[in-house]
Amino acid sequence: EDSRVTDVITYENAGPEGQTVKIVTFELMGQEYIALD
């Protein structure tokens, strides 16, 4: 509960072998996390 994705940033051709990379910011019960591809 009280959790949400707050931002998704996509970078084309930024990862290994030209992969798309996403940085996703989200909250779990008010605590912020950042997830990276």
ModelCIF file with pLDDT and N, C-alpha, C, O atoms, coordinates in Angstrom:
data_MODEL
#
_entry.id   MODEL 
#
_entity.id                         1 
_entity.type                       polymer 
_entity.pdbx_number_of_molecules   1 
#
_entity_poly.entity_id                      1 
_entity_poly.type                           'polypeptide(L)' 
_entity_poly.nstd_linkage                   no 
_entity_poly.nstd_monomer                   no 
_entity_poly.pdbx_seq_one_letter_code       EDSRVTDVITYENAGPEGQTVKIVTFELMGQEYIALD 
_entity_poly.pdbx_seq_one_letter_code_can   EDSRVTDVITYENAGPEGQTVKIVTFELMGQEYIALD 
_entity_poly.pdbx_strand_id                 A 
#
loop_
_entity_poly_seq.entity_id 
_entity_poly_seq.num 
_entity_poly_seq.mon_id 
_entity_poly_seq.hetero 
1 1  GLU n 
1 2  ASP n 
1 3  SER n 
1 4  ARG n 
1 5  VAL n 
1 6  THR n 
1 7  ASP n 
1 8  VAL n 
1 9  ILE n 
1 10 THR n 
1 11 TYR n 
1 12 GLU n 
1 13 ASN n 
1 14 ALA n 
1 15 GLY n 
1 16 PRO n 
1 17 GLU n 
1 18 GLY n 
1 19 GLN n 
1 20 THR n 
1 21 VAL n 
1 22 LYS n 
1 23 ILE n 
1 24 VAL n 
1 25 THR n 
1 26 PHE n 
1 27 GLU n 
1 28 LEU n 
1 29 MET n 
1 30 GLY n 
1 31 GLN n 
1 32 GLU n 
1 33 TYR n 
1 34 ILE n 
1 35 ALA n 
1 36 LEU n 
1 37 ASP n 
#
_struct_asym.id          A 
_struct_asym.entity_id   1 
#
loop_
_ma_qa_metric.id 
_ma_qa_metric.mode 
_ma_qa_metric.name 
_ma_qa_metric.software_group_id 
_ma_qa_metric.type 
1 global pLDDT . pLDDT 
2 local  pLDDT . pLDDT 
#
_ma_qa_metric_global.metric_id      1 
_ma_qa_metric_global.metric_value   89.14 
_ma_qa_metric_global.model_id       1 
_ma_qa_metric_global.ordinal_id     1 
#
loop_
_ma_qa_metric_local.label_asym_id 
_ma_qa_metric_local.label_comp_id 
_ma_qa_metric_local.label_seq_id 
_ma_qa_metric_local.metric_id 
_ma_qa_metric_local.metric_value 
_ma_qa_metric_local.model_id 
_ma_qa_metric_local.ordinal_id 
A GLU 1  2 95.00 1 1  
A ASP 2  2 96.00 1 2  
A SER 3  2 98.00 1 3  
A ARG 4  2 98.00 1 4  
A VAL 5  2 98.00 1 5  
A THR 6  2 97.00 1 6  
A ASP 7  2 96.00 1 7  
A VAL 8  2 95.00 1 8  
A ILE 9  2 94.00 1 9  
A THR 10 2 91.00 1 10 
A TYR 11 2 87.00 1 11 
A GLU 12 2 82.00 1 12 
A ASN 13 2 74.00 1 13 
A ALA 14 2 68.00 1 14 
A GLY 15 2 64.00 1 15 
A PRO 16 2 66.00 1 16 
A GLU 17 2 71.00 1 17 
A GLY 18 2 71.00 1 18 
A GLN 19 2 73.00 1 19 
A THR 20 2 78.00 1 20 
A VAL 21 2 82.00 1 21 
A LYS 22 2 90.00 1 22 
A ILE 23 2 95.00 1 23 
A VAL 24 2 97.00 1 24 
A THR 25 2 97.00 1 25 
A PHE 26 2 97.00 1 26 
A GLU 27 2 97.00 1 27 
A LEU 28 2 97.00 1 28 
A MET 29 2 95.00 1 29 
A GLY 30 2 93.00 1 30 
A GLN 31 2 94.00 1 31 
A GLU 32 2 96.00 1 32 
A TYR 33 2 97.00 1 33 
A ILE 34 2 97.00 1 34 
A ALA 35 2 97.00 1 35 
A LEU 36 2 94.00 1 36 
A ASP 37 2 91.00 1 37 
#
loop_
_atom_site.group_PDB 
_atom_site.id 
_atom_site.type_symbol 
_atom_site.label_atom_id 
_atom_site.label_alt_id 
_atom_site.label_comp_id 
_atom_site.label_asym_id 
_atom_site.label_entity_id 
_atom_site.label_seq_id 
_atom_site.pdbx_PDB_ins_code 
_atom_site.Cartn_x 
_atom_site.Cartn_y 
_atom_site.Cartn_z 
_atom_site.occupancy 
_atom_site.B_iso_or_equiv 
_atom_site.pdbx_formal_charge 
_atom_site.auth_seq_id 
_atom_site.auth_comp_id 
_atom_site.auth_asym_id 
_atom_site.auth_atom_id 
_atom_site.pdbx_PDB_model_num 
ATOM 1   N N  . GLU A 1 1  ? 0.844  -1.197 0.000   1.00 95.00 ? 1  GLU A N  1 
ATOM 2   C CA . GLU A 1 1  ? 0.000  0.000  0.000   1.00 95.00 ? 1  GLU A CA 1 
ATOM 3   C C  . GLU A 1 1  ? 0.881  1.249  0.000   1.00 95.00 ? 1  GLU A C  1 
ATOM 4   O O  . GLU A 1 1  ? 2.042  1.210  0.406   1.00 95.00 ? 1  GLU A O  1 
ATOM 5   N N  . ASP A 1 2  ? 0.308  2.343  -0.459  1.00 96.00 ? 2  ASP A N  1 
ATOM 6   C CA . ASP A 1 2  ? 1.014  3.630  -0.477  1.00 96.00 ? 2  ASP A CA 1 
ATOM 7   C C  . ASP A 1 2  ? 2.351  3.523  -1.208  1.00 96.00 ? 2  ASP A C  1 
ATOM 8   O O  . ASP A 1 2  ? 3.361  4.058  -0.751  1.00 96.00 ? 2  ASP A O  1 
ATOM 9   N N  . SER A 1 3  ? 2.347  2.836  -2.331  1.00 98.00 ? 3  SER A N  1 
ATOM 10  C CA . SER A 1 3  ? 3.561  2.650  -3.127  1.00 98.00 ? 3  SER A CA 1 
ATOM 11  C C  . SER A 1 3  ? 3.268  3.017  -4.572  1.00 98.00 ? 3  SER A C  1 
ATOM 12  O O  . SER A 1 3  ? 2.151  2.848  -5.061  1.00 98.00 ? 3  SER A O  1 
ATOM 13  N N  . ARG A 1 4  ? 4.307  3.528  -5.254  1.00 98.00 ? 4  ARG A N  1 
ATOM 14  C CA . ARG A 1 4  ? 4.076  3.969  -6.630  1.00 98.00 ? 4  ARG A CA 1 
ATOM 15  C C  . ARG A 1 4  ? 5.397  4.146  -7.364  1.00 98.00 ? 4  ARG A C  1 
ATOM 16  O O  . ARG A 1 4  ? 6.440  4.385  -6.754  1.00 98.00 ? 4  ARG A O  1 
ATOM 17  N N  . VAL A 1 5  ? 5.331  4.023  -8.675  1.00 98.00 ? 5  VAL A N  1 
ATOM 18  C CA . VAL A 1 5  ? 6.444  4.392  -9.540  1.00 98.00 ? 5  VAL A CA 1 
ATOM 19  C C  . VAL A 1 5  ? 6.330  5.888  -9.742  1.00 98.00 ? 5  VAL A C  1 
ATOM 20  O O  . VAL A 1 5  ? 5.265  6.388  -10.104 1.00 98.00 ? 5  VAL A O  1 
ATOM 21  N N  . THR A 1 6  ? 7.418  6.611  -9.510  1.00 97.00 ? 6  THR A N  1 
ATOM 22  C CA . THR A 1 6  ? 7.365  8.067  -9.636  1.00 97.00 ? 6  THR A CA 1 
ATOM 23  C C  . THR A 1 6  ? 8.043  8.604  -10.889 1.00 97.00 ? 6  THR A C  1 
ATOM 24  O O  . THR A 1 6  ? 7.761  9.724  -11.316 1.00 97.00 ? 6  THR A O  1 
ATOM 25  N N  . ASP A 1 7  ? 8.942  7.806  -11.487 1.00 96.00 ? 7  ASP A N  1 
ATOM 26  C CA . ASP A 1 7  ? 9.646  8.305  -12.669 1.00 96.00 ? 7  ASP A CA 1 
ATOM 27  C C  . ASP A 1 7  ? 10.280 7.142  -13.420 1.00 96.00 ? 7  ASP A C  1 
ATOM 28  O O  . ASP A 1 7  ? 10.788 6.198  -12.816 1.00 96.00 ? 7  ASP A O  1 
ATOM 29  N N  . VAL A 1 8  ? 10.244 7.225  -14.731 1.00 95.00 ? 8  VAL A N  1 
ATOM 30  C CA . VAL A 1 8  ? 10.938 6.272  -15.596 1.00 95.00 ? 8  VAL A CA 1 
ATOM 31  C C  . VAL A 1 8  ? 11.678 7.080  -16.646 1.00 95.00 ? 8  VAL A C  1 
ATOM 32  O O  . VAL A 1 8  ? 11.067 7.826  -17.411 1.00 95.00 ? 8  VAL A O  1 
ATOM 33  N N  . ILE A 1 9  ? 12.985 6.933  -16.681 1.00 94.00 ? 9  ILE A N  1 
ATOM 34  C CA . ILE A 1 9  ? 13.811 7.605  -17.682 1.00 94.00 ? 9  ILE A CA 1 
ATOM 35  C C  . ILE A 1 9  ? 14.413 6.519  -18.559 1.00 94.00 ? 9  ILE A C  1 
ATOM 36  O O  . ILE A 1 9  ? 14.992 5.557  -18.055 1.00 94.00 ? 9  ILE A O  1 
ATOM 37  N N  . THR A 1 10 ? 14.278 6.673  -19.870 1.00 91.00 ? 10 THR A N  1 
ATOM 38  C CA . THR A 1 10 ? 14.782 5.682  -20.815 1.00 91.00 ? 10 THR A CA 1 
ATOM 39  C C  . THR A 1 10 ? 15.910 6.293  -21.639 1.00 91.00 ? 10 THR A C  1 
ATOM 40  O O  . THR A 1 10 ? 15.793 7.398  -22.169 1.00 91.00 ? 10 THR A O  1 
ATOM 41  N N  . TYR A 1 11 ? 16.999 5.547  -21.729 1.00 87.00 ? 11 TYR A N  1 
ATOM 42  C CA . TYR A 1 11 ? 18.145 5.955  -22.543 1.00 87.00 ? 11 TYR A CA 1 
ATOM 43  C C  . TYR A 1 11 ? 18.351 4.890  -23.620 1.00 87.00 ? 11 TYR A C  1 
ATOM 44  O O  . TYR A 1 11 ? 18.611 3.726  -23.313 1.00 87.00 ? 11 TYR A O  1 
ATOM 45  N N  . GLU A 1 12 ? 18.232 5.298  -24.872 1.00 82.00 ? 12 GLU A N  1 
ATOM 46  C CA . GLU A 1 12 ? 18.442 4.374  -25.995 1.00 82.00 ? 12 GLU A CA 1 
ATOM 47  C C  . GLU A 1 12 ? 19.935 4.174  -26.226 1.00 82.00 ? 12 GLU A C  1 
ATOM 48  O O  . GLU A 1 12 ? 20.717 5.115  -26.101 1.00 82.00 ? 12 GLU A O  1 
ATOM 49  N N  . ASN A 1 13 ? 20.322 2.971  -26.558 1.00 74.00 ? 13 ASN A N  1 
ATOM 50  C CA . ASN A 1 13 ? 21.711 2.627  -26.909 1.00 74.00 ? 13 ASN A CA 1 
ATOM 51  C C  . ASN A 1 13 ? 22.708 3.026  -25.838 1.00 74.00 ? 13 ASN A C  1 
ATOM 52  O O  . ASN A 1 13 ? 23.821 3.444  -26.160 1.00 74.00 ? 13 ASN A O  1 
ATOM 53  N N  . ALA A 1 14 ? 22.344 2.910  -24.602 1.00 68.00 ? 14 ALA A N  1 
ATOM 54  C CA . ALA A 1 14 ? 23.236 3.329  -23.513 1.00 68.00 ? 14 ALA A CA 1 
ATOM 55  C C  . ALA A 1 14 ? 23.834 2.149  -22.756 1.00 68.00 ? 14 ALA A C  1 
ATOM 56  O O  . ALA A 1 14 ? 24.805 2.316  -22.017 1.00 68.00 ? 14 ALA A O  1 
ATOM 57  N N  . GLY A 1 15 ? 23.272 0.973  -22.930 1.00 64.00 ? 15 GLY A N  1 
ATOM 58  C CA . GLY A 1 15 ? 23.739 -0.187 -22.187 1.00 64.00 ? 15 GLY A CA 1 
ATOM 59  C C  . GLY A 1 15 ? 24.705 -1.028 -22.992 1.00 64.00 ? 15 GLY A C  1 
ATOM 60  O O  . GLY A 1 15 ? 25.093 -0.666 -24.102 1.00 64.00 ? 15 GLY A O  1 
ATOM 61  N N  . PRO A 1 16 ? 25.089 -2.159 -22.418 1.00 66.00 ? 16 PRO A N  1 
ATOM 62  C CA . PRO A 1 16 ? 25.982 -3.076 -23.127 1.00 66.00 ? 16 PRO A CA 1 
ATOM 63  C C  . PRO A 1 16 ? 25.369 -3.481 -24.472 1.00 66.00 ? 16 PRO A C  1 
ATOM 64  O O  . PRO A 1 16 ? 24.176 -3.776 -24.553 1.00 66.00 ? 16 PRO A O  1 
ATOM 65  N N  . GLU A 1 17 ? 26.172 -3.491 -25.497 1.00 71.00 ? 17 GLU A N  1 
ATOM 66  C CA . GLU A 1 17 ? 25.744 -3.888 -26.839 1.00 71.00 ? 17 GLU A CA 1 
ATOM 67  C C  . GLU A 1 17 ? 24.571 -3.046 -27.341 1.00 71.00 ? 17 GLU A C  1 
ATOM 68  O O  . GLU A 1 17 ? 23.723 -3.545 -28.081 1.00 71.00 ? 17 GLU A O  1 
ATOM 69  N N  . GLY A 1 18 ? 24.516 -1.778 -26.946 1.00 71.00 ? 18 GLY A N  1 
ATOM 70  C CA . GLY A 1 18 ? 23.498 -0.857 -27.428 1.00 71.00 ? 18 GLY A CA 1 
ATOM 71  C C  . GLY A 1 18 ? 22.117 -1.041 -26.828 1.00 71.00 ? 18 GLY A C  1 
ATOM 72  O O  . GLY A 1 18 ? 21.132 -0.560 -27.387 1.00 71.00 ? 18 GLY A O  1 
ATOM 73  N N  . GLN A 1 19 ? 22.029 -1.730 -25.698 1.00 73.00 ? 19 GLN A N  1 
ATOM 74  C CA . GLN A 1 19 ? 20.734 -1.964 -25.066 1.00 73.00 ? 19 GLN A CA 1 
ATOM 75  C C  . GLN A 1 19 ? 20.127 -0.674 -24.528 1.00 73.00 ? 19 GLN A C  1 
ATOM 76  O O  . GLN A 1 19 ? 20.830 0.279  -24.194 1.00 73.00 ? 19 GLN A O  1 
ATOM 77  N N  . THR A 1 20 ? 18.806 -0.677 -24.457 1.00 78.00 ? 20 THR A N  1 
ATOM 78  C CA . THR A 1 20 ? 18.082 0.416  -23.821 1.00 78.00 ? 20 THR A CA 1 
ATOM 79  C C  . THR A 1 20 ? 18.261 0.293  -22.319 1.00 78.00 ? 20 THR A C  1 
ATOM 80  O O  . THR A 1 20 ? 18.199 -0.806 -21.767 1.00 78.00 ? 20 THR A O  1 
ATOM 81  N N  . VAL A 1 21 ? 18.480 1.407  -21.666 1.00 82.00 ? 21 VAL A N  1 
ATOM 82  C CA . VAL A 1 21 ? 18.651 1.429  -20.210 1.00 82.00 ? 21 VAL A CA 1 
ATOM 83  C C  . VAL A 1 21 ? 17.528 2.265  -19.619 1.00 82.00 ? 21 VAL A C  1 
ATOM 84  O O  . VAL A 1 21 ? 17.197 3.336  -20.128 1.00 82.00 ? 21 VAL A O  1 
ATOM 85  N N  . LYS A 1 22 ? 16.951 1.764  -18.544 1.00 90.00 ? 22 LYS A N  1 
ATOM 86  C CA . LYS A 1 22 ? 15.936 2.518  -17.826 1.00 90.00 ? 22 LYS A CA 1 
ATOM 87  C C  . LYS A 1 22 ? 16.409 2.760  -16.401 1.00 90.00 ? 22 LYS A C  1 
ATOM 88  O O  . LYS A 1 22 ? 17.026 1.905  -15.765 1.00 90.00 ? 22 LYS A O  1 
ATOM 89  N N  . ILE A 1 23 ? 16.097 3.949  -15.931 1.00 95.00 ? 23 ILE A N  1 
ATOM 90  C CA . ILE A 1 23 ? 16.261 4.280  -14.519 1.00 95.00 ? 23 ILE A CA 1 
ATOM 91  C C  . ILE A 1 23 ? 14.854 4.541  -14.004 1.00 95.00 ? 23 ILE A C  1 
ATOM 92  O O  . ILE A 1 23 ? 14.150 5.421  -14.499 1.00 95.00 ? 23 ILE A O  1 
ATOM 93  N N  . VAL A 1 24 ? 14.456 3.764  -13.006 1.00 97.00 ? 24 VAL A N  1 
ATOM 94  C CA . VAL A 1 24 ? 13.094 3.819  -12.492 1.00 97.00 ? 24 VAL A CA 1 
ATOM 95  C C  . VAL A 1 24 ? 13.151 4.226  -11.025 1.00 97.00 ? 24 VAL A C  1 
ATOM 96  O O  . VAL A 1 24 ? 13.817 3.580  -10.216 1.00 97.00 ? 24 VAL A O  1 
ATOM 97  N N  . THR A 1 25 ? 12.457 5.287  -10.696 1.00 97.00 ? 25 THR A N  1 
ATOM 98  C CA . THR A 1 25 ? 12.350 5.726  -9.305  1.00 97.00 ? 25 THR A CA 1 
ATOM 99  C C  . THR A 1 25 ? 10.983 5.305  -8.802  1.00 97.00 ? 25 THR A C  1 
ATOM 100 O O  . THR A 1 25 ? 9.969  5.521  -9.466  1.00 97.00 ? 25 THR A O  1 
ATOM 101 N N  . PHE A 1 26 ? 10.966 4.699  -7.615  1.00 97.00 ? 26 PHE A N  1 
ATOM 102 C CA . PHE A 1 26 ? 9.698  4.256  -7.053  1.00 97.00 ? 26 PHE A CA 1 
ATOM 103 C C  . PHE A 1 26 ? 9.726  4.368  -5.536  1.00 97.00 ? 26 PHE A C  1 
ATOM 104 O O  . PHE A 1 26 ? 10.786 4.471  -4.919  1.00 97.00 ? 26 PHE A O  1 
ATOM 105 N N  . GLU A 1 27 ? 8.540  4.347  -4.955  1.00 97.00 ? 27 GLU A N  1 
ATOM 106 C CA . GLU A 1 27 ? 8.395  4.422  -3.501  1.00 97.00 ? 27 GLU A CA 1 
ATOM 107 C C  . GLU A 1 27 ? 7.655  3.190  -3.008  1.00 97.00 ? 27 GLU A C  1 
ATOM 108 O O  . GLU A 1 27 ? 6.657  2.774  -3.596  1.00 97.00 ? 27 GLU A O  1 
ATOM 109 N N  . LEU A 1 28 ? 8.149  2.618  -1.934  1.00 97.00 ? 28 LEU A N  1 
ATOM 110 C CA . LEU A 1 28 ? 7.457  1.557  -1.220  1.00 97.00 ? 28 LEU A CA 1 
ATOM 111 C C  . LEU A 1 28 ? 7.126  2.092  0.158   1.00 97.00 ? 28 LEU A C  1 
ATOM 112 O O  . LEU A 1 28 ? 8.007  2.252  1.003   1.00 97.00 ? 28 LEU A O  1 
ATOM 113 N N  . MET A 1 29 ? 5.854  2.365  0.378   1.00 95.00 ? 29 MET A N  1 
ATOM 114 C CA . MET A 1 29 ? 5.376  2.863  1.664   1.00 95.00 ? 29 MET A CA 1 
ATOM 115 C C  . MET A 1 29 ? 6.179  4.082  2.134   1.00 95.00 ? 29 MET A C  1 
ATOM 116 O O  . MET A 1 29 ? 6.548  4.187  3.303   1.00 95.00 ? 29 MET A O  1 
ATOM 117 N N  . GLY A 1 30 ? 6.438  4.995  1.198   1.00 93.00 ? 30 GLY A N  1 
ATOM 118 C CA . GLY A 1 30 ? 7.122  6.241  1.516   1.00 93.00 ? 30 GLY A CA 1 
ATOM 119 C C  . GLY A 1 30 ? 8.632  6.209  1.390   1.00 93.00 ? 30 GLY A C  1 
ATOM 120 O O  . GLY A 1 30 ? 9.260  7.267  1.394   1.00 93.00 ? 30 GLY A O  1 
ATOM 121 N N  . GLN A 1 31 ? 9.240  5.033  1.277   1.00 94.00 ? 31 GLN A N  1 
ATOM 122 C CA . GLN A 1 31 ? 10.696 4.915  1.128   1.00 94.00 ? 31 GLN A CA 1 
ATOM 123 C C  . GLN A 1 31 ? 11.029 4.911  -0.358  1.00 94.00 ? 31 GLN A C  1 
ATOM 124 O O  . GLN A 1 31 ? 10.469 4.127  -1.125  1.00 94.00 ? 31 GLN A O  1 
ATOM 125 N N  . GLU A 1 32 ? 11.944 5.789  -0.759  1.00 96.00 ? 32 GLU A N  1 
ATOM 126 C CA . GLU A 1 32 ? 12.290 5.919  -2.171  1.00 96.00 ? 32 GLU A CA 1 
ATOM 127 C C  . GLU A 1 32 ? 13.420 4.971  -2.565  1.00 96.00 ? 32 GLU A C  1 
ATOM 128 O O  . GLU A 1 32 ? 14.381 4.776  -1.822  1.00 96.00 ? 32 GLU A O  1 
ATOM 129 N N  . TYR A 1 33 ? 13.278 4.389  -3.753  1.00 97.00 ? 33 TYR A N  1 
ATOM 130 C CA . TYR A 1 33 ? 14.276 3.488  -4.332  1.00 97.00 ? 33 TYR A CA 1 
ATOM 131 C C  . TYR A 1 33 ? 14.543 3.918  -5.759  1.00 97.00 ? 33 TYR A C  1 
ATOM 132 O O  . TYR A 1 33 ? 13.696 4.531  -6.410  1.00 97.00 ? 33 TYR A O  1 
ATOM 133 N N  . ILE A 1 34 ? 15.730 3.587  -6.236  1.00 97.00 ? 34 ILE A N  1 
ATOM 134 C CA . ILE A 1 34 ? 16.085 3.822  -7.627  1.00 97.00 ? 34 ILE A CA 1 
ATOM 135 C C  . ILE A 1 34 ? 16.514 2.477  -8.206  1.00 97.00 ? 34 ILE A C  1 
ATOM 136 O O  . ILE A 1 34 ? 17.380 1.803  -7.648  1.00 97.00 ? 34 ILE A O  1 
ATOM 137 N N  . ALA A 1 35 ? 15.907 2.092  -9.326  1.00 97.00 ? 35 ALA A N  1 
ATOM 138 C CA . ALA A 1 35 ? 16.239 0.840  -9.995  1.00 97.00 ? 35 ALA A CA 1 
ATOM 139 C C  . ALA A 1 35 ? 16.871 1.166  -11.338 1.00 97.00 ? 35 ALA A C  1 
ATOM 140 O O  . ALA A 1 35 ? 16.406 2.056  -12.049 1.00 97.00 ? 35 ALA A O  1 
ATOM 141 N N  . LEU A 1 36 ? 17.925 0.451  -11.681 1.00 94.00 ? 36 LEU A N  1 
ATOM 142 C CA . LEU A 1 36 ? 18.693 0.690  -12.902 1.00 94.00 ? 36 LEU A CA 1 
ATOM 143 C C  . LEU A 1 36 ? 18.793 -0.591 -13.707 1.00 94.00 ? 36 LEU A C  1 
ATOM 144 O O  . LEU A 1 36 ? 19.078 -1.655 -13.158 1.00 94.00 ? 36 LEU A O  1 
ATOM 145 N N  . ASP A 1 37 ? 18.558 -0.489 -15.020 1.00 91.00 ? 37 ASP A N  1 
ATOM 146 C CA . ASP A 1 37 ? 18.876 -1.587 -15.933 1.00 91.00 ? 37 ASP A CA 1 
ATOM 147 C C  . ASP A 1 37 ? 20.365 -1.507 -16.226 1.00 91.00 ? 37 ASP A C  1 
ATOM 148 O O  . ASP A 1 37 ? 20.891 -2.329 -16.978 1.00 91.00 ? 37 ASP A O  1 
#
